[in-house]
Amino acid sequence: MSAKKKTIVGIILLSITLIIGLIFYGLYLMADEDKYGDLVYAKEKAEDGDLILKCSKEYFSNKESEFDEIGIIEKSFGKVYVWDNKNTLKKSLFDWCERQNAQKVIILRPKRKVKTEKIPKIEGKYNYLLNSTEYEKITETL
């Protein structure tokens, strides 16, 4: 086989491999978005130690959401987990949010290290954390 034919065959094989790789990468991204839905953006922006607030009750646009649950995010090997506020139970982000019917989720990044056992509920809610200067809002999903 001549050098010209070998080069053409090599380019064709490389092109086919690249196209197949891009197809599989696209399918991976679609599967990730199908599983997480709106949470896929929260999954990408979240970092270790971020706080996640969840509103389990239905809310209306003219009424303030009541964030009644809090957790700490842990990222490990490309997956996102949430520890409960007592640091005793670890669930995947999907299980913590979707399977428990979260209506709204907000991720806050503390400006300094925080222990969640020290974060109290005020009037049964964690809403006061949204206005705190110690936390930066990273993302919000509806």
N, C-alpha and C. Protein backbone atom coordinates (compact mmCIF):
# COMPACT_ATOMS: atom_id res chain seq x y z
N MET A 1 0.86 -1.17 0.00
CA MET A 1 0.00 0.00 0.00
C MET A 1 0.90 1.24 0.00
N SER A 2 0.56 2.21 -0.80
CA SER A 2 1.40 3.40 -0.90
C SER A 2 1.18 4.32 0.30
N ALA A 3 2.09 5.23 0.50
CA ALA A 3 2.03 6.16 1.62
C ALA A 3 0.80 7.06 1.52
N LYS A 4 0.41 7.43 0.32
CA LYS A 4 -0.76 8.28 0.11
C LYS A 4 -2.04 7.56 0.56
N LYS A 5 -2.16 6.28 0.20
CA LYS A 5 -3.33 5.50 0.60
C LYS A 5 -3.37 5.30 2.10
N LYS A 6 -2.21 5.06 2.73
CA LYS A 6 -2.14 4.88 4.19
C LYS A 6 -2.57 6.17 4.90
N THR A 7 -2.15 7.30 4.37
CA THR A 7 -2.53 8.58 4.97
C THR A 7 -4.04 8.80 4.87
N ILE A 8 -4.62 8.51 3.73
CA ILE A 8 -6.07 8.68 3.53
C ILE A 8 -6.85 7.74 4.45
N VAL A 9 -6.43 6.47 4.54
CA VAL A 9 -7.10 5.51 5.43
C VAL A 9 -6.97 5.96 6.88
N GLY A 10 -5.80 6.46 7.27
CA GLY A 10 -5.59 6.94 8.64
C GLY A 10 -6.49 8.12 8.97
N ILE A 11 -6.61 9.06 8.03
CA ILE A 11 -7.47 10.23 8.25
C ILE A 11 -8.93 9.81 8.35
N ILE A 12 -9.34 8.88 7.50
CA ILE A 12 -10.73 8.39 7.55
C ILE A 12 -11.02 7.70 8.88
N LEU A 13 -10.11 6.83 9.33
CA LEU A 13 -10.30 6.13 10.61
C LEU A 13 -10.31 7.12 11.78
N LEU A 14 -9.42 8.10 11.75
CA LEU A 14 -9.38 9.12 12.80
C LEU A 14 -10.68 9.92 12.81
N SER A 15 -11.19 10.27 11.64
CA SER A 15 -12.44 11.02 11.54
C SER A 15 -13.62 10.21 12.08
N ILE A 16 -13.69 8.94 11.73
CA ILE A 16 -14.77 8.08 12.22
C ILE A 16 -14.70 7.95 13.73
N THR A 17 -13.49 7.76 14.28
CA THR A 17 -13.31 7.66 15.73
C THR A 17 -13.74 8.95 16.42
N LEU A 18 -13.38 10.09 15.86
CA LEU A 18 -13.76 11.38 16.43
C LEU A 18 -15.27 11.57 16.41
N ILE A 19 -15.90 11.24 15.32
CA ILE A 19 -17.36 11.38 15.21
C ILE A 19 -18.06 10.47 16.22
N ILE A 20 -17.63 9.24 16.34
CA ILE A 20 -18.24 8.31 17.30
C ILE A 20 -18.03 8.82 18.73
N GLY A 21 -16.84 9.34 19.01
CA GLY A 21 -16.57 9.89 20.34
C GLY A 21 -17.48 11.06 20.66
N LEU A 22 -17.69 11.96 19.71
CA LEU A 22 -18.58 13.10 19.93
C LEU A 22 -20.03 12.66 20.12
N ILE A 23 -20.44 11.65 19.41
CA ILE A 23 -21.80 11.13 19.58
C ILE A 23 -21.98 10.57 20.99
N PHE A 24 -21.03 9.77 21.46
CA PHE A 24 -21.14 9.21 22.80
C PHE A 24 -21.08 10.29 23.88
N TYR A 25 -20.26 11.31 23.68
CA TYR A 25 -20.19 12.41 24.64
C TYR A 25 -21.52 13.16 24.69
N GLY A 26 -22.14 13.39 23.54
CA GLY A 26 -23.45 14.04 23.50
C GLY A 26 -24.52 13.20 24.19
N LEU A 27 -24.48 11.90 23.99
CA LEU A 27 -25.43 11.02 24.66
C LEU A 27 -25.23 11.03 26.16
N TYR A 28 -23.97 11.10 26.61
CA TYR A 28 -23.67 11.18 28.05
C TYR A 28 -24.27 12.46 28.63
N LEU A 29 -24.08 13.59 27.95
CA LEU A 29 -24.63 14.85 28.44
C LEU A 29 -26.16 14.83 28.46
N MET A 30 -26.77 14.22 27.46
CA MET A 30 -28.23 14.12 27.43
C MET A 30 -28.75 13.25 28.57
N ALA A 31 -28.07 12.16 28.87
CA ALA A 31 -28.49 11.28 29.96
C ALA A 31 -28.38 12.00 31.29
N ASP A 32 -27.31 12.78 31.46
CA ASP A 32 -27.12 13.55 32.69
C ASP A 32 -28.25 14.56 32.86
N GLU A 33 -28.60 15.26 31.80
CA GLU A 33 -29.66 16.25 31.89
C GLU A 33 -31.02 15.59 32.06
N ASP A 34 -31.23 14.42 31.44
CA ASP A 34 -32.49 13.71 31.62
C ASP A 34 -32.67 13.29 33.08
N LYS A 35 -31.60 12.89 33.74
CA LYS A 35 -31.70 12.46 35.13
C LYS A 35 -31.89 13.64 36.06
N TYR A 36 -31.06 14.67 35.91
CA TYR A 36 -31.08 15.78 36.86
C TYR A 36 -32.04 16.90 36.49
N GLY A 37 -32.42 17.03 35.24
CA GLY A 37 -33.32 18.10 34.82
C GLY A 37 -32.70 19.46 35.11
N ASP A 38 -33.44 20.32 35.80
CA ASP A 38 -32.94 21.65 36.14
C ASP A 38 -31.76 21.59 37.11
N LEU A 39 -31.63 20.48 37.80
CA LEU A 39 -30.54 20.36 38.77
C LEU A 39 -29.18 20.16 38.11
N VAL A 40 -29.14 19.93 36.79
CA VAL A 40 -27.86 19.72 36.13
C VAL A 40 -26.98 20.96 36.26
N TYR A 41 -27.58 22.15 36.24
CA TYR A 41 -26.81 23.38 36.39
C TYR A 41 -26.32 23.54 37.82
N ALA A 42 -27.16 23.16 38.78
CA ALA A 42 -26.75 23.20 40.18
C ALA A 42 -25.62 22.21 40.42
N LYS A 43 -25.71 21.06 39.78
CA LYS A 43 -24.68 20.03 39.93
C LYS A 43 -23.33 20.53 39.43
N GLU A 44 -23.33 21.27 38.34
CA GLU A 44 -22.08 21.76 37.76
C GLU A 44 -21.47 22.90 38.58
N LYS A 45 -22.30 23.77 39.15
CA LYS A 45 -21.80 24.93 39.87
C LYS A 45 -21.46 24.65 41.33
N ALA A 46 -22.00 23.58 41.89
CA ALA A 46 -21.81 23.28 43.30
C ALA A 46 -20.37 22.86 43.59
N GLU A 47 -19.91 23.18 44.80
CA GLU A 47 -18.58 22.79 45.26
C GLU A 47 -18.71 22.19 46.65
N ASP A 48 -17.66 21.51 47.08
CA ASP A 48 -17.63 20.95 48.43
C ASP A 48 -17.86 22.06 49.46
N GLY A 49 -18.72 21.78 50.42
CA GLY A 49 -18.95 22.72 51.52
C GLY A 49 -20.05 23.72 51.27
N ASP A 50 -20.63 23.76 50.07
CA ASP A 50 -21.74 24.67 49.80
C ASP A 50 -22.97 24.22 50.59
N LEU A 51 -23.81 25.18 50.95
CA LEU A 51 -25.07 24.86 51.61
C LEU A 51 -26.16 24.78 50.56
N ILE A 52 -27.07 23.85 50.73
CA ILE A 52 -28.20 23.74 49.82
C ILE A 52 -29.48 23.84 50.66
N LEU A 53 -30.37 24.72 50.23
CA LEU A 53 -31.64 24.94 50.92
C LEU A 53 -32.75 24.40 50.04
N LYS A 54 -33.73 23.77 50.68
CA LYS A 54 -34.83 23.15 49.93
C LYS A 54 -36.16 23.61 50.49
N CYS A 55 -37.04 23.97 49.58
CA CYS A 55 -38.42 24.31 49.92
C CYS A 55 -39.28 23.14 49.49
N SER A 56 -39.87 22.44 50.45
CA SER A 56 -40.67 21.25 50.13
C SER A 56 -42.12 21.58 49.86
N LYS A 57 -42.56 22.73 50.31
CA LYS A 57 -43.97 23.09 50.13
C LYS A 57 -44.15 23.83 48.82
N GLU A 58 -45.34 23.73 48.27
CA GLU A 58 -45.64 24.48 47.05
C GLU A 58 -45.64 25.96 47.39
N TYR A 59 -45.18 26.75 46.46
CA TYR A 59 -45.17 28.19 46.67
C TYR A 59 -45.77 28.88 45.46
N PHE A 60 -46.14 30.09 45.68
CA PHE A 60 -46.72 30.89 44.60
C PHE A 60 -45.79 32.08 44.36
N SER A 61 -45.80 32.62 43.17
CA SER A 61 -44.85 33.67 42.81
C SER A 61 -44.99 34.91 43.69
N ASN A 62 -46.16 35.15 44.24
CA ASN A 62 -46.33 36.34 45.07
C ASN A 62 -46.06 36.05 46.56
N LYS A 63 -45.75 34.81 46.89
CA LYS A 63 -45.48 34.44 48.28
C LYS A 63 -44.04 33.97 48.41
N GLU A 64 -43.41 34.34 49.50
CA GLU A 64 -42.02 33.94 49.72
C GLU A 64 -41.95 32.45 50.02
N SER A 65 -40.97 31.78 49.43
CA SER A 65 -40.77 30.36 49.67
C SER A 65 -40.27 30.14 51.09
N GLU A 66 -40.65 29.03 51.68
CA GLU A 66 -40.20 28.69 53.03
C GLU A 66 -39.19 27.56 52.92
N PHE A 67 -37.91 27.88 53.08
CA PHE A 67 -36.85 26.88 52.99
C PHE A 67 -36.74 26.19 54.35
N ASP A 68 -37.23 24.94 54.39
CA ASP A 68 -37.33 24.24 55.66
C ASP A 68 -36.29 23.14 55.84
N GLU A 69 -35.47 22.87 54.82
CA GLU A 69 -34.41 21.87 54.96
C GLU A 69 -33.10 22.43 54.43
N ILE A 70 -32.01 21.98 55.06
CA ILE A 70 -30.68 22.45 54.68
C ILE A 70 -29.74 21.25 54.64
N GLY A 71 -28.74 21.33 53.81
CA GLY A 71 -27.74 20.27 53.72
C GLY A 71 -26.42 20.84 53.27
N ILE A 72 -25.38 20.01 53.34
CA ILE A 72 -24.05 20.40 52.88
C ILE A 72 -23.70 19.55 51.66
N ILE A 73 -23.18 20.18 50.64
CA ILE A 73 -22.83 19.48 49.40
C ILE A 73 -21.43 18.90 49.50
N GLU A 74 -21.31 17.67 48.99
CA GLU A 74 -20.01 17.01 48.87
C GLU A 74 -19.89 16.48 47.45
N LYS A 75 -18.82 16.85 46.77
CA LYS A 75 -18.57 16.34 45.42
C LYS A 75 -17.51 15.26 45.51
N SER A 76 -17.78 14.15 44.84
CA SER A 76 -16.83 13.06 44.86
C SER A 76 -16.93 12.27 43.57
N PHE A 77 -15.81 12.18 42.85
CA PHE A 77 -15.72 11.43 41.60
C PHE A 77 -16.82 11.82 40.60
N GLY A 78 -17.06 13.13 40.45
CA GLY A 78 -18.02 13.61 39.48
C GLY A 78 -19.47 13.53 39.91
N LYS A 79 -19.74 13.02 41.09
CA LYS A 79 -21.11 12.93 41.60
C LYS A 79 -21.28 13.94 42.73
N VAL A 80 -22.51 14.37 42.93
CA VAL A 80 -22.81 15.35 43.97
C VAL A 80 -23.71 14.70 45.01
N TYR A 81 -23.29 14.81 46.26
CA TYR A 81 -24.05 14.26 47.39
C TYR A 81 -24.42 15.38 48.34
N VAL A 82 -25.47 15.13 49.13
CA VAL A 82 -25.92 16.11 50.12
C VAL A 82 -25.96 15.42 51.48
N TRP A 83 -25.26 16.00 52.45
CA TRP A 83 -25.33 15.55 53.84
C TRP A 83 -26.46 16.32 54.51
N ASP A 84 -27.22 15.65 55.37
CA ASP A 84 -28.29 16.36 56.07
C ASP A 84 -27.68 17.31 57.10
N ASN A 85 -28.54 18.11 57.74
CA ASN A 85 -28.03 19.15 58.63
C ASN A 85 -27.38 18.62 59.90
N LYS A 86 -27.55 17.35 60.21
CA LYS A 86 -26.87 16.76 61.37
C LYS A 86 -25.63 15.99 60.96
N ASN A 87 -25.32 16.00 59.65
CA ASN A 87 -24.15 15.34 59.09
C ASN A 87 -24.17 13.83 59.36
N THR A 88 -25.36 13.23 59.31
CA THR A 88 -25.49 11.80 59.59
C THR A 88 -25.95 10.99 58.38
N LEU A 89 -26.61 11.61 57.42
CA LEU A 89 -27.19 10.90 56.29
C LEU A 89 -26.74 11.56 54.99
N LYS A 90 -26.19 10.74 54.08
CA LYS A 90 -25.69 11.25 52.80
C LYS A 90 -26.53 10.68 51.67
N LYS A 91 -27.09 11.56 50.84
CA LYS A 91 -27.91 11.14 49.69
C LYS A 91 -27.37 11.83 48.45
N SER A 92 -27.69 11.25 47.29
CA SER A 92 -27.31 11.92 46.05
C SER A 92 -28.17 13.17 45.90
N LEU A 93 -27.67 14.14 45.14
CA LEU A 93 -28.41 15.39 44.93
C LEU A 93 -29.79 15.11 44.36
N PHE A 94 -29.87 14.19 43.42
CA PHE A 94 -31.16 13.84 42.81
C PHE A 94 -32.13 13.30 43.86
N ASP A 95 -31.67 12.36 44.69
CA ASP A 95 -32.54 11.77 45.71
C ASP A 95 -32.97 12.82 46.73
N TRP A 96 -32.05 13.68 47.13
CA TRP A 96 -32.36 14.68 48.16
C TRP A 96 -33.38 15.69 47.65
N CYS A 97 -33.29 16.06 46.39
CA CYS A 97 -34.17 17.09 45.84
C CYS A 97 -35.43 16.53 45.19
N GLU A 98 -35.26 15.70 44.20
CA GLU A 98 -36.38 15.28 43.38
C GLU A 98 -37.29 14.26 44.05
N ARG A 99 -36.72 13.28 44.66
CA ARG A 99 -37.57 12.22 45.22
C ARG A 99 -38.31 12.66 46.47
N GLN A 100 -37.88 13.78 47.05
CA GLN A 100 -38.59 14.30 48.22
C GLN A 100 -39.41 15.54 47.83
N ASN A 101 -39.69 15.67 46.53
CA ASN A 101 -40.56 16.72 46.01
C ASN A 101 -40.14 18.13 46.37
N ALA A 102 -38.89 18.45 46.14
CA ALA A 102 -38.43 19.82 46.35
C ALA A 102 -39.08 20.72 45.32
N GLN A 103 -39.69 21.80 45.77
CA GLN A 103 -40.31 22.74 44.86
C GLN A 103 -39.30 23.79 44.39
N LYS A 104 -38.34 24.10 45.25
CA LYS A 104 -37.35 25.12 44.92
C LYS A 104 -36.07 24.79 45.68
N VAL A 105 -34.92 24.98 45.02
CA VAL A 105 -33.63 24.68 45.63
C VAL A 105 -32.70 25.86 45.39
N ILE A 106 -31.98 26.27 46.44
CA ILE A 106 -30.99 27.34 46.32
C ILE A 106 -29.68 26.83 46.90
N ILE A 107 -28.58 27.14 46.20
CA ILE A 107 -27.26 26.78 46.70
C ILE A 107 -26.54 28.06 47.13
N LEU A 108 -26.03 28.04 48.35
CA LEU A 108 -25.29 29.18 48.91
C LEU A 108 -23.87 28.74 49.20
N ARG A 109 -22.92 29.61 48.92
CA ARG A 109 -21.52 29.32 49.22
C ARG A 109 -21.10 30.20 50.40
N PRO A 110 -20.70 29.56 51.51
CA PRO A 110 -20.24 30.36 52.66
C PRO A 110 -18.91 31.04 52.34
N LYS A 111 -18.76 32.26 52.84
CA LYS A 111 -17.51 32.99 52.62
C LYS A 111 -16.41 32.49 53.55
N ARG A 112 -16.80 31.77 54.60
CA ARG A 112 -15.86 31.10 55.50
C ARG A 112 -16.44 29.75 55.90
N LYS A 113 -15.63 28.88 56.47
CA LYS A 113 -16.06 27.52 56.84
C LYS A 113 -17.18 27.59 57.90
N VAL A 114 -18.22 26.79 57.71
CA VAL A 114 -19.39 26.81 58.60
C VAL A 114 -19.75 25.38 58.99
N LYS A 115 -20.19 25.20 60.24
CA LYS A 115 -20.72 23.90 60.68
C LYS A 115 -22.24 24.00 60.67
N THR A 116 -22.89 23.08 59.98
CA THR A 116 -24.34 23.18 59.86
C THR A 116 -25.07 22.87 61.16
N GLU A 117 -24.41 22.19 62.08
CA GLU A 117 -25.09 21.94 63.35
C GLU A 117 -25.36 23.26 64.08
N LYS A 118 -24.59 24.28 63.75
CA LYS A 118 -24.72 25.58 64.40
C LYS A 118 -25.71 26.50 63.68
N ILE A 119 -26.27 26.05 62.57
CA ILE A 119 -27.22 26.88 61.82
C ILE A 119 -28.63 26.56 62.30
N PRO A 120 -29.22 27.47 63.07
CA PRO A 120 -30.56 27.20 63.61
C PRO A 120 -31.66 27.62 62.64
N LYS A 121 -32.83 27.04 62.85
CA LYS A 121 -34.02 27.48 62.14
C LYS A 121 -34.59 28.67 62.91
N ILE A 122 -35.06 29.65 62.19
CA ILE A 122 -35.75 30.77 62.83
C ILE A 122 -37.18 30.74 62.32
N GLU A 123 -38.11 30.58 63.24
CA GLU A 123 -39.53 30.43 62.92
C GLU A 123 -39.75 29.25 61.97
N GLY A 124 -38.95 28.19 62.13
CA GLY A 124 -39.11 26.98 61.33
C GLY A 124 -38.56 27.07 59.92
N LYS A 125 -37.78 28.13 59.63
CA LYS A 125 -37.27 28.34 58.27
C LYS A 125 -35.79 28.72 58.32
N TYR A 126 -35.16 28.55 57.15
CA TYR A 126 -33.77 28.98 56.97
C TYR A 126 -33.69 30.19 56.03
N ASN A 127 -34.78 30.88 55.82
CA ASN A 127 -34.83 31.99 54.86
C ASN A 127 -33.87 33.13 55.22
N TYR A 128 -33.57 33.30 56.48
CA TYR A 128 -32.69 34.40 56.87
C TYR A 128 -31.29 34.26 56.27
N LEU A 129 -30.89 33.05 55.89
CA LEU A 129 -29.58 32.84 55.29
C LEU A 129 -29.47 33.52 53.92
N LEU A 130 -30.59 33.70 53.23
CA LEU A 130 -30.58 34.33 51.90
C LEU A 130 -30.16 35.79 51.97
N ASN A 131 -30.44 36.46 53.09
CA ASN A 131 -30.11 37.87 53.24
C ASN A 131 -28.82 38.08 54.01
N SER A 132 -28.17 37.01 54.42
CA SER A 132 -26.95 37.11 55.21
C SER A 132 -25.77 37.54 54.34
N THR A 133 -24.88 38.31 54.93
CA THR A 133 -23.67 38.74 54.20
C THR A 133 -22.59 37.67 54.23
N GLU A 134 -22.80 36.60 54.99
CA GLU A 134 -21.82 35.53 55.10
C GLU A 134 -21.95 34.49 53.99
N TYR A 135 -22.99 34.59 53.16
CA TYR A 135 -23.24 33.60 52.12
C TYR A 135 -23.43 34.29 50.78
N GLU A 136 -22.95 33.62 49.74
CA GLU A 136 -23.10 34.09 48.38
C GLU A 136 -24.02 33.11 47.64
N LYS A 137 -25.04 33.62 46.98
CA LYS A 137 -25.98 32.77 46.24
C LYS A 137 -25.31 32.31 44.94
N ILE A 138 -25.26 30.99 44.75
CA ILE A 138 -24.61 30.41 43.58
C ILE A 138 -25.63 30.13 42.47
N THR A 139 -26.70 29.43 42.81
CA THR A 139 -27.72 29.11 41.81
C THR A 139 -29.05 28.86 42.50
N GLU A 140 -30.09 28.90 41.68
CA GLU A 140 -31.46 28.67 42.17
C GLU A 140 -32.22 27.90 41.10
N THR A 141 -32.93 26.87 41.50
CA THR A 141 -33.75 26.11 40.56
C THR A 141 -35.20 26.16 41.02
N LEU A 142 -36.09 26.15 40.07
CA LEU A 142 -37.52 26.20 40.39
C LEU A 142 -38.16 24.87 40.11
